[in-house]
Amino acid sequence: MTTGATPSLRTASGEALIRLLHETTANALLPLLDNPALDEHTLAIALQRRDLPPEFLKEVLYRRHLLKAYQIRKLLAFHPHTPRNESLRFLRELYLMDLVQFAISPGVSPDLKIKAEEQVITKLPQLPLGQKITLARRAPARITAALLAEGQRQVLAAALSNPNLTEAQILKVLAREKLPPVIAQAIAQHDKWSHIYNVRVALIRQPATTLTTILSFLSELTISDLRELAAPGILPENLRQYLQAEVQARLQRRATRSATPSDSTDGTDKSE
C-alpha cells in the first residue's frame, strides 16, 4: 500500500472502505478510526484481523464511543493483542456461550482461559437443564467436570462423553467429599472411564462407590496398590478385609506356582 492511498482510509465509505481495510497493512490502519463513515460493522471487520498492532487496539479502547456495541467488546476480549486488564474487563461482560468459546479458543493465554472458565462455573447453578446439557457436550474440561459434579442424571452422560474431559478432572471429581452416588456409578459404568486404572483406584477410594463395583475392580489392581489401600485409615474396615483377602489370595497363588515343578527340561520355573 502506498502512502498516497493512506488518507483514503479517512474518507472512503461503503465497499471502497472495506476493500481498503483488507488491502492496507496492519501498521497503517490507524487513520481508519478517524473516518466519519466508520461503523460497528467496519470496525468489527478490522478487529477480526489477528495482526493488528497494540497501538491500534489501544486507540480503539481510548475512544469509548466505539465500545458501546457488544460485538466490539467481544472482539476486543478475544483479540490476542488487547491489553490483559482490558481483556479481563470485557470477559466479565461476555454472554455465557461466548465465554465458553473464549475458553476453547486457540491463542488465548492460559490465565485468561481460567478466568473465563471460572465465570462460567459460577453461572452453572442458575442455568436451565437444556443449556447445561449443551455445555456438557462441548465445554472445556474444568467446566465439564463442574457439571458432572452437580450429579444431574440428564447431564452425566453428555459430560462423560465430552472429548474435552480429562482423566485429571475425573480424578478431581472422585476426590470430592459427599459425592452423590449417581456420579460414582455413572463413571464406574462408563465404557471409557471405567477402564482407566487410576480412575478405578479413585473409585475404590470414593465412599459413594458401591461394594459390587469395588469388588469387580480388585482383581485388576497391583498388589502394591492393594496393600496401600488396605492400610489403616484409608478405607472402612469391612473394605480393608476384602483387600487384605485379595492380597493373601494373590500371594498364595504365587507361592503355589513357585512350588509347582516346572515342565521345562532344565527343571526351572519360568512362570514368574
C-alpha atoms as a PDB file:
ATOM      1  CA  MET A   1       0.000   0.000   0.000  1.00  0.00           C
ATOM      2  CA  THR A   2       1.470   3.363  -0.968  1.00  0.00           C
ATOM      3  CA  THR A   3       1.493   6.304   1.396  1.00  0.00           C
ATOM      4  CA  GLY A   4      -0.589   8.273  -1.092  1.00  0.00           C
ATOM      5  CA  ALA A   5      -3.539   5.936  -0.501  1.00  0.00           C
ATOM      6  CA  THR A   6      -3.376   6.158   3.278  1.00  0.00           C
ATOM      7  CA  PRO A   7      -5.656   9.241   3.555  1.00  0.00           C
ATOM      8  CA  SER A   8      -8.399   7.274   1.773  1.00  0.00           C
ATOM      9  CA  LEU A   9      -8.918   5.382   4.983  1.00  0.00           C
ATOM     10  CA  ARG A  10     -10.154   8.651   6.480  1.00  0.00           C
ATOM     11  CA  THR A  11     -12.563   9.481   3.673  1.00  0.00           C
ATOM     12  CA  ALA A  12     -13.656   6.293   1.908  1.00  0.00           C
ATOM     13  CA  SER A  13     -17.019   4.686   2.607  1.00  0.00           C
ATOM     14  CA  GLY A  14     -19.024   1.617   1.694  1.00  0.00           C
ATOM     15  CA  GLU A  15     -17.352  -1.120  -0.332  1.00  0.00           C
ATOM     16  CA  ALA A  16     -14.359   1.095  -1.074  1.00  0.00           C
ATOM     17  CA  LEU A  17     -13.625   1.385   2.642  1.00  0.00           C
ATOM     18  CA  ILE A  18     -13.985  -2.365   3.147  1.00  0.00           C
ATOM     19  CA  ARG A  19     -11.618  -3.007   0.230  1.00  0.00           C
ATOM     20  CA  LEU A  20      -9.045  -0.616   1.653  1.00  0.00           C
ATOM     21  CA  LEU A  21      -9.415  -2.263   5.036  1.00  0.00           C
ATOM     22  CA  HIS A  22      -8.422  -5.611   3.563  1.00  0.00           C
ATOM     23  CA  GLU A  23      -5.625  -4.228   1.386  1.00  0.00           C
ATOM     24  CA  THR A  24      -3.923  -1.984   3.946  1.00  0.00           C
ATOM     25  CA  THR A  25      -1.157  -3.370   6.133  1.00  0.00           C
ATOM     26  CA  ALA A  26      -1.986  -3.637   9.808  1.00  0.00           C
ATOM     27  CA  ASN A  27       0.520  -0.962  10.827  1.00  0.00           C
ATOM     28  CA  ALA A  28      -1.145   1.574   8.522  1.00  0.00           C
ATOM     29  CA  LEU A  29      -4.758   1.114   9.676  1.00  0.00           C
ATOM     30  CA  LEU A  30      -4.840   3.793  12.367  1.00  0.00           C
ATOM     31  CA  PRO A  31      -6.380   6.504  10.100  1.00  0.00           C
ATOM     32  CA  LEU A  32      -9.468   4.285   9.821  1.00  0.00           C
ATOM     33  CA  LEU A  33     -10.519   5.381  13.297  1.00  0.00           C
ATOM     34  CA  ASP A  34     -10.851   8.987  12.112  1.00  0.00           C
ATOM     35  CA  ASN A  35     -13.187   8.108   9.245  1.00  0.00           C
ATOM     36  CA  PRO A  36     -16.719   9.538   9.756  1.00  0.00           C
ATOM     37  CA  ALA A  37     -18.101   6.508   7.897  1.00  0.00           C
ATOM     38  CA  LEU A  38     -16.653   4.058  10.426  1.00  0.00           C
ATOM     39  CA  ASP A  39     -19.459   1.956  11.907  1.00  0.00           C
ATOM     40  CA  GLU A  40     -19.758  -1.173  14.039  1.00  0.00           C
ATOM     41  CA  HIS A  41     -19.659  -3.492  11.026  1.00  0.00           C
ATOM     42  CA  THR A  42     -16.498  -1.989   9.575  1.00  0.00           C
ATOM     43  CA  LEU A  43     -14.709  -1.843  12.917  1.00  0.00           C
ATOM     44  CA  ALA A  44     -15.672  -5.456  13.581  1.00  0.00           C
ATOM     45  CA  ILE A  45     -14.036  -6.486  10.306  1.00  0.00           C
ATOM     46  CA  ALA A  46     -10.880  -4.663  11.350  1.00  0.00           C
ATOM     47  CA  LEU A  47     -10.843  -6.260  14.791  1.00  0.00           C
ATOM     48  CA  GLN A  48     -11.011  -9.735  13.263  1.00  0.00           C
ATOM     49  CA  ARG A  49      -7.511  -9.223  11.903  1.00  0.00           C
ATOM     50  CA  ARG A  50      -5.116 -11.013  14.248  1.00  0.00           C
ATOM     51  CA  ASP A  51      -2.152  -8.942  13.040  1.00  0.00           C
ATOM     52  CA  LEU A  52      -3.426  -5.656  14.478  1.00  0.00           C
ATOM     53  CA  PRO A  53      -0.712  -3.892  16.470  1.00  0.00           C
ATOM     54  CA  PRO A  54      -1.287  -2.968  20.134  1.00  0.00           C
ATOM     55  CA  GLU A  55      -1.280   0.722  19.181  1.00  0.00           C
ATOM     56  CA  PHE A  56      -4.421   0.295  17.062  1.00  0.00           C
ATOM     57  CA  LEU A  57      -6.232  -1.579  19.821  1.00  0.00           C
ATOM     58  CA  LYS A  58      -5.217   0.950  22.466  1.00  0.00           C
ATOM     59  CA  GLU A  59      -6.613   3.731  20.307  1.00  0.00           C
ATOM     60  CA  VAL A  60      -9.908   1.855  19.945  1.00  0.00           C
ATOM     61  CA  LEU A  61     -10.040   1.437  23.719  1.00  0.00           C
ATOM     62  CA  TYR A  62      -9.317   5.139  24.204  1.00  0.00           C
ATOM     63  CA  ARG A  63     -12.287   6.115  22.034  1.00  0.00           C
ATOM     64  CA  ARG A  64     -15.002   4.964  24.411  1.00  0.00           C
ATOM     65  CA  HIS A  65     -17.828   5.732  21.978  1.00  0.00           C
ATOM     66  CA  LEU A  66     -16.554   2.831  19.845  1.00  0.00           C
ATOM     67  CA  LEU A  67     -17.103   0.374  22.718  1.00  0.00           C
ATOM     68  CA  LYS A  68     -20.878   0.737  23.020  1.00  0.00           C
ATOM     69  CA  ALA A  69     -21.621  -2.281  20.830  1.00  0.00           C
ATOM     70  CA  TYR A  70     -21.376  -5.734  22.446  1.00  0.00           C
ATOM     71  CA  GLN A  71     -19.803  -7.214  19.295  1.00  0.00           C
ATOM     72  CA  ILE A  72     -16.897  -4.758  19.524  1.00  0.00           C
ATOM     73  CA  ARG A  73     -16.261  -5.519  23.201  1.00  0.00           C
ATOM     74  CA  LYS A  74     -16.397  -9.234  22.433  1.00  0.00           C
ATOM     75  CA  LEU A  75     -13.869  -8.954  19.606  1.00  0.00           C
ATOM     76  CA  LEU A  76     -11.560  -6.922  21.830  1.00  0.00           C
ATOM     77  CA  ALA A  77     -11.801  -9.559  24.554  1.00  0.00           C
ATOM     78  CA  PHE A  78     -10.853 -12.260  22.035  1.00  0.00           C
ATOM     79  CA  HIS A  79      -8.037 -10.341  20.361  1.00  0.00           C
ATOM     80  CA  PRO A  80      -4.565 -11.571  21.408  1.00  0.00           C
ATOM     81  CA  HIS A  81      -3.074  -8.050  21.409  1.00  0.00           C
ATOM     82  CA  THR A  82      -5.662  -6.401  23.659  1.00  0.00           C
ATOM     83  CA  PRO A  83      -4.057  -5.372  26.977  1.00  0.00           C
ATOM     84  CA  ARG A  84      -4.704  -8.008  29.626  1.00  0.00           C
ATOM     85  CA  ASN A  85      -6.546  -5.690  32.040  1.00  0.00           C
ATOM     86  CA  GLU A  86      -8.947  -4.632  29.312  1.00  0.00           C
ATOM     87  CA  SER A  87      -9.493  -8.243  28.231  1.00  0.00           C
ATOM     88  CA  LEU A  88     -10.414  -9.146  31.807  1.00  0.00           C
ATOM     89  CA  ARG A  89     -12.888  -6.274  31.943  1.00  0.00           C
ATOM     90  CA  PHE A  90     -14.598  -7.368  28.727  1.00  0.00           C
ATOM     91  CA  LEU A  91     -14.656 -11.005  29.853  1.00  0.00           C
ATOM     92  CA  ARG A  92     -16.977 -10.028  32.691  1.00  0.00           C
ATOM     93  CA  GLU A  93     -19.465  -8.734  30.125  1.00  0.00           C
ATOM     94  CA  LEU A  94     -19.483 -11.721  27.764  1.00  0.00           C
ATOM     95  CA  TYR A  95     -22.536 -13.901  27.356  1.00  0.00           C
ATOM     96  CA  LEU A  96     -22.257 -17.481  28.589  1.00  0.00           C
ATOM     97  CA  MET A  97     -21.616 -19.257  25.279  1.00  0.00           C
ATOM     98  CA  ASP A  98     -19.140 -16.570  24.256  1.00  0.00           C
ATOM     99  CA  LEU A  99     -17.243 -17.247  27.487  1.00  0.00           C
ATOM    100  CA  VAL A 100     -17.159 -20.940  26.586  1.00  0.00           C
ATOM    101  CA  GLN A 101     -15.959 -20.120  23.083  1.00  0.00           C
ATOM    102  CA  PHE A 102     -13.266 -17.903  24.566  1.00  0.00           C
ATOM    103  CA  ALA A 103     -12.111 -20.701  26.860  1.00  0.00           C
ATOM    104  CA  ILE A 104     -11.628 -23.131  23.956  1.00  0.00           C
ATOM    105  CA  SER A 105     -10.134 -20.637  21.508  1.00  0.00           C
ATOM    106  CA  PRO A 106      -6.531 -21.233  20.434  1.00  0.00           C
ATOM    107  CA  GLY A 107      -4.060 -18.489  21.205  1.00  0.00           C
ATOM    108  CA  VAL A 108      -5.796 -17.265  24.357  1.00  0.00           C
ATOM    109  CA  SER A 109      -3.426 -17.025  27.324  1.00  0.00           C
ATOM    110  CA  PRO A 110      -3.923 -19.775  29.944  1.00  0.00           C
ATOM    111  CA  ASP A 111      -4.697 -17.351  32.772  1.00  0.00           C
ATOM    112  CA  LEU A 112      -7.455 -15.671  30.769  1.00  0.00           C
ATOM    113  CA  LYS A 113      -8.916 -19.059  29.844  1.00  0.00           C
ATOM    114  CA  ILE A 114      -9.051 -19.949  33.531  1.00  0.00           C
ATOM    115  CA  LYS A 115     -10.809 -16.659  34.304  1.00  0.00           C
ATOM    116  CA  ALA A 116     -13.392 -17.368  31.600  1.00  0.00           C
ATOM    117  CA  GLU A 117     -13.952 -20.909  32.889  1.00  0.00           C
ATOM    118  CA  GLU A 118     -14.374 -19.638  36.440  1.00  0.00           C
ATOM    119  CA  GLN A 119     -17.030 -17.198  35.290  1.00  0.00           C
ATOM    120  CA  VAL A 120     -18.939 -19.953  33.523  1.00  0.00           C
ATOM    121  CA  ILE A 121     -18.711 -22.254  36.562  1.00  0.00           C
ATOM    122  CA  THR A 122     -20.203 -19.584  38.831  1.00  0.00           C
ATOM    123  CA  LYS A 123     -23.184 -19.311  36.472  1.00  0.00           C
ATOM    124  CA  LEU A 124     -23.889 -23.060  36.264  1.00  0.00           C
ATOM    125  CA  PRO A 125     -26.351 -23.383  39.186  1.00  0.00           C
ATOM    126  CA  GLN A 126     -28.702 -20.840  37.606  1.00  0.00           C
ATOM    127  CA  LEU A 127     -28.732 -22.384  34.124  1.00  0.00           C
ATOM    128  CA  PRO A 128     -31.718 -24.330  32.758  1.00  0.00           C
ATOM    129  CA  LEU A 129     -31.241 -28.053  32.213  1.00  0.00           C
ATOM    130  CA  GLY A 130     -31.147 -27.817  28.424  1.00  0.00           C
ATOM    131  CA  GLN A 131     -28.307 -25.323  28.480  1.00  0.00           C
ATOM    132  CA  LYS A 132     -26.370 -27.474  30.937  1.00  0.00           C
ATOM    133  CA  ILE A 133     -26.665 -30.467  28.609  1.00  0.00           C
ATOM    134  CA  THR A 134     -25.442 -28.361  25.694  1.00  0.00           C
ATOM    135  CA  LEU A 135     -22.488 -27.158  27.738  1.00  0.00           C
ATOM    136  CA  ALA A 136     -21.685 -30.664  28.958  1.00  0.00           C
ATOM    137  CA  ARG A 137     -21.240 -31.824  25.363  1.00  0.00           C
ATOM    138  CA  ARG A 138     -18.697 -29.188  24.293  1.00  0.00           C
ATOM    139  CA  ALA A 139     -17.322 -27.218  27.235  1.00  0.00           C
ATOM    140  CA  PRO A 140     -13.663 -27.337  28.343  1.00  0.00           C
ATOM    141  CA  ALA A 141     -12.608 -29.941  30.898  1.00  0.00           C
ATOM    142  CA  ARG A 142     -12.967 -27.815  34.072  1.00  0.00           C
ATOM    143  CA  ILE A 143     -16.468 -26.668  33.168  1.00  0.00           C
ATOM    144  CA  THR A 144     -17.499 -30.181  32.168  1.00  0.00           C
ATOM    145  CA  ALA A 145     -16.191 -31.559  35.469  1.00  0.00           C
ATOM    146  CA  ALA A 146     -18.179 -28.915  37.371  1.00  0.00           C
ATOM    147  CA  LEU A 147     -21.325 -30.002  35.533  1.00  0.00           C
ATOM    148  CA  LEU A 148     -20.514 -33.628  36.227  1.00  0.00           C
ATOM    149  CA  ALA A 149     -20.107 -32.908  39.937  1.00  0.00           C
ATOM    150  CA  GLU A 150     -23.638 -31.486  40.127  1.00  0.00           C
ATOM    151  CA  GLY A 151     -24.935 -35.013  39.623  1.00  0.00           C
ATOM    152  CA  GLN A 152     -27.920 -34.322  37.386  1.00  0.00           C
ATOM    153  CA  ARG A 153     -28.714 -37.587  35.624  1.00  0.00           C
ATOM    154  CA  GLN A 154     -29.584 -35.942  32.317  1.00  0.00           C
ATOM    155  CA  VAL A 155     -26.217 -34.164  32.256  1.00  0.00           C
ATOM    156  CA  LEU A 156     -23.954 -37.047  33.327  1.00  0.00           C
ATOM    157  CA  ALA A 157     -23.922 -38.957  30.035  1.00  0.00           C
ATOM    158  CA  ALA A 158     -23.187 -35.840  27.992  1.00  0.00           C
ATOM    159  CA  ALA A 159     -20.406 -34.747  30.341  1.00  0.00           C
ATOM    160  CA  LEU A 160     -18.689 -38.143  30.464  1.00  0.00           C
ATOM    161  CA  SER A 161     -18.741 -38.358  26.659  1.00  0.00           C
ATOM    162  CA  ASN A 162     -17.307 -34.859  26.169  1.00  0.00           C
ATOM    163  CA  PRO A 163     -13.975 -35.291  24.304  1.00  0.00           C
ATOM    164  CA  ASN A 164     -12.531 -32.337  26.244  1.00  0.00           C
ATOM    165  CA  LEU A 165     -12.964 -34.067  29.595  1.00  0.00           C
ATOM    166  CA  THR A 166      -9.659 -35.297  31.020  1.00  0.00           C
ATOM    167  CA  GLU A 167      -8.609 -38.033  33.418  1.00  0.00           C
ATOM    168  CA  ALA A 168      -7.257 -35.375  35.780  1.00  0.00           C
ATOM    169  CA  GLN A 169     -10.684 -33.741  36.067  1.00  0.00           C
ATOM    170  CA  ILE A 170     -12.395 -37.105  36.579  1.00  0.00           C
ATOM    171  CA  LEU A 171      -9.993 -37.809  39.447  1.00  0.00           C
ATOM    172  CA  LYS A 172     -10.732 -34.414  40.994  1.00  0.00           C
ATOM    173  CA  VAL A 173     -14.455 -35.153  40.901  1.00  0.00           C
ATOM    174  CA  LEU A 174     -13.922 -38.563  42.505  1.00  0.00           C
ATOM    175  CA  ALA A 175     -11.799 -36.987  45.246  1.00  0.00           C
ATOM    176  CA  ARG A 176     -14.723 -34.830  46.423  1.00  0.00           C
ATOM    177  CA  GLU A 177     -16.314 -35.458  49.780  1.00  0.00           C
ATOM    178  CA  LYS A 178     -20.004 -36.374  49.878  1.00  0.00           C
ATOM    179  CA  LEU A 179     -20.083 -37.148  46.166  1.00  0.00           C
ATOM    180  CA  PRO A 180     -23.578 -38.186  45.049  1.00  0.00           C
ATOM    181  CA  PRO A 181     -23.579 -41.966  44.429  1.00  0.00           C
ATOM    182  CA  VAL A 182     -25.113 -41.448  40.989  1.00  0.00           C
ATOM    183  CA  ILE A 183     -21.875 -39.785  39.831  1.00  0.00           C
ATOM    184  CA  ALA A 184     -19.600 -42.575  41.051  1.00  0.00           C
ATOM    185  CA  GLN A 185     -21.911 -45.144  39.492  1.00  0.00           C
ATOM    186  CA  ALA A 186     -22.016 -43.326  36.143  1.00  0.00           C
ATOM    187  CA  ILE A 187     -18.212 -43.171  35.999  1.00  0.00           C
ATOM    188  CA  ALA A 188     -17.875 -46.805  37.088  1.00  0.00           C
ATOM    189  CA  GLN A 189     -20.204 -47.925  34.294  1.00  0.00           C
ATOM    190  CA  HIS A 190     -18.800 -45.716  31.546  1.00  0.00           C
ATOM    191  CA  ASP A 191     -17.137 -47.562  28.665  1.00  0.00           C
ATOM    192  CA  LYS A 192     -14.103 -45.237  28.622  1.00  0.00           C
ATOM    193  CA  TRP A 193     -13.506 -44.049  32.168  1.00  0.00           C
ATOM    194  CA  SER A 194     -14.224 -47.333  33.953  1.00  0.00           C
ATOM    195  CA  HIS A 195     -11.257 -48.998  32.213  1.00  0.00           C
ATOM    196  CA  ILE A 196      -8.646 -46.432  33.261  1.00  0.00           C
ATOM    197  CA  TYR A 197      -6.514 -47.794  36.089  1.00  0.00           C
ATOM    198  CA  ASN A 198      -6.197 -44.566  38.112  1.00  0.00           C
ATOM    199  CA  VAL A 199      -9.936 -43.989  37.838  1.00  0.00           C
ATOM    200  CA  ARG A 200     -10.570 -47.466  39.232  1.00  0.00           C
ATOM    201  CA  VAL A 201      -8.285 -46.757  42.178  1.00  0.00           C
ATOM    202  CA  ALA A 202     -10.080 -43.460  42.772  1.00  0.00           C
ATOM    203  CA  LEU A 203     -13.461 -45.201  42.629  1.00  0.00           C
ATOM    204  CA  ILE A 204     -12.307 -47.670  45.284  1.00  0.00           C
ATOM    205  CA  ARG A 205     -11.271 -44.739  47.494  1.00  0.00           C
ATOM    206  CA  GLN A 206     -14.590 -42.950  46.916  1.00  0.00           C
ATOM    207  CA  PRO A 207     -17.181 -43.746  49.655  1.00  0.00           C
ATOM    208  CA  ALA A 208     -20.042 -43.338  47.182  1.00  0.00           C
ATOM    209  CA  THR A 209     -18.881 -46.296  45.065  1.00  0.00           C
ATOM    210  CA  THR A 210     -20.915 -49.459  45.562  1.00  0.00           C
ATOM    211  CA  LEU A 211     -19.332 -52.563  47.084  1.00  0.00           C
ATOM    212  CA  THR A 212     -20.170 -54.572  43.965  1.00  0.00           C
ATOM    213  CA  THR A 213     -18.196 -52.138  41.813  1.00  0.00           C
ATOM    214  CA  ILE A 214     -15.241 -52.131  44.199  1.00  0.00           C
ATOM    215  CA  LEU A 215     -15.059 -55.927  44.272  1.00  0.00           C
ATOM    216  CA  SER A 216     -15.154 -56.094  40.476  1.00  0.00           C
ATOM    217  CA  PHE A 217     -12.044 -53.880  40.302  1.00  0.00           C
ATOM    218  CA  LEU A 218      -9.871 -55.626  42.904  1.00  0.00           C
ATOM    219  CA  SER A 219      -8.517 -58.291  40.575  1.00  0.00           C
ATOM    220  CA  GLU A 220      -7.143 -55.582  38.257  1.00  0.00           C
ATOM    221  CA  LEU A 221      -5.116 -53.760  40.921  1.00  0.00           C
ATOM    222  CA  THR A 222      -1.465 -54.414  41.658  1.00  0.00           C
ATOM    223  CA  ILE A 223      -0.558 -55.947  44.986  1.00  0.00           C
ATOM    224  CA  SER A 224       1.309 -52.788  45.985  1.00  0.00           C
ATOM    225  CA  ASP A 225      -1.813 -50.654  45.414  1.00  0.00           C
ATOM    226  CA  LEU A 226      -3.989 -53.173  47.234  1.00  0.00           C
ATOM    227  CA  ARG A 227      -1.635 -53.042  50.209  1.00  0.00           C
ATOM    228  CA  GLU A 228      -1.589 -49.252  50.182  1.00  0.00           C
ATOM    229  CA  LEU A 229      -5.379 -49.054  50.086  1.00  0.00           C
ATOM    230  CA  ALA A 230      -5.657 -51.654  52.820  1.00  0.00           C
ATOM    231  CA  ALA A 231      -3.516 -49.592  55.201  1.00  0.00           C
ATOM    232  CA  PRO A 232      -5.391 -48.347  58.288  1.00  0.00           C
ATOM    233  CA  GLY A 233      -7.362 -45.125  57.896  1.00  0.00           C
ATOM    234  CA  ILE A 234      -7.849 -45.156  54.117  1.00  0.00           C
ATOM    235  CA  LEU A 235     -10.926 -47.334  53.680  1.00  0.00           C
ATOM    236  CA  PRO A 236     -13.639 -48.599  56.033  1.00  0.00           C
ATOM    237  CA  GLU A 237     -12.720 -51.729  57.960  1.00  0.00           C
ATOM    238  CA  ASN A 238     -15.075 -54.011  56.019  1.00  0.00           C
ATOM    239  CA  LEU A 239     -13.468 -52.948  52.722  1.00  0.00           C
ATOM    240  CA  ARG A 240      -9.978 -53.401  54.151  1.00  0.00           C
ATOM    241  CA  GLN A 241     -10.836 -57.020  54.843  1.00  0.00           C
ATOM    242  CA  TYR A 242     -11.750 -57.599  51.192  1.00  0.00           C
ATOM    243  CA  LEU A 243      -8.494 -56.012  50.011  1.00  0.00           C
ATOM    244  CA  GLN A 244      -6.423 -57.961  52.509  1.00  0.00           C
ATOM    245  CA  ALA A 245      -8.134 -61.173  51.405  1.00  0.00           C
ATOM    246  CA  GLU A 246      -7.306 -60.343  47.774  1.00  0.00           C
ATOM    247  CA  VAL A 247      -3.657 -59.772  48.678  1.00  0.00           C
ATOM    248  CA  GLN A 248      -3.476 -63.063  50.576  1.00  0.00           C
ATOM    249  CA  ALA A 249      -5.106 -64.933  47.706  1.00  0.00           C
ATOM    250  CA  ARG A 250      -2.609 -63.474  45.255  1.00  0.00           C
ATOM    251  CA  LEU A 251       0.348 -64.371  47.468  1.00  0.00           C
ATOM    252  CA  GLN A 252      -0.981 -67.871  47.961  1.00  0.00           C
ATOM    253  CA  ARG A 253      -1.391 -68.386  44.214  1.00  0.00           C
ATOM    254  CA  ARG A 254       2.125 -67.079  43.650  1.00  0.00           C
ATOM    255  CA  ALA A 255       3.520 -69.428  46.283  1.00  0.00           C
ATOM    256  CA  THR A 256       1.609 -72.336  44.750  1.00  0.00           C
ATOM    257  CA  ARG A 257       3.037 -71.612  41.316  1.00  0.00           C
ATOM    258  CA  SER A 258       6.530 -71.324  42.731  1.00  0.00           C
ATOM    259  CA  ALA A 259       6.200 -74.682  44.472  1.00  0.00           C
ATOM    260  CA  THR A 260       4.860 -76.479  41.398  1.00  0.00           C
ATOM    261  CA  PRO A 261       7.609 -78.347  39.430  1.00  0.00           C
ATOM    262  CA  SER A 262       8.246 -76.844  36.054  1.00  0.00           C
ATOM    263  CA  ASP A 263       7.549 -78.730  32.861  1.00  0.00           C
ATOM    264  CA  SER A 264      10.741 -77.358  31.345  1.00  0.00           C
ATOM    265  CA  THR A 265      13.578 -79.798  30.751  1.00  0.00           C
ATOM    266  CA  ASP A 266      16.049 -77.966  32.988  1.00  0.00           C
ATOM    267  CA  GLY A 267      13.652 -78.019  35.938  1.00  0.00           C
ATOM    268  CA  THR A 268      13.442 -74.216  36.310  1.00  0.00           C
ATOM    269  CA  ASP A 269      10.169 -72.318  36.764  1.00  0.00           C
ATOM    270  CA  LYS A 270       9.639 -69.653  34.080  1.00  0.00           C
ATOM    271  CA  SER A 271       6.137 -68.698  35.059  1.00  0.00           C
ATOM    272  CA  GLU A 272       7.263 -65.717  37.199  1.00  0.00           C
END
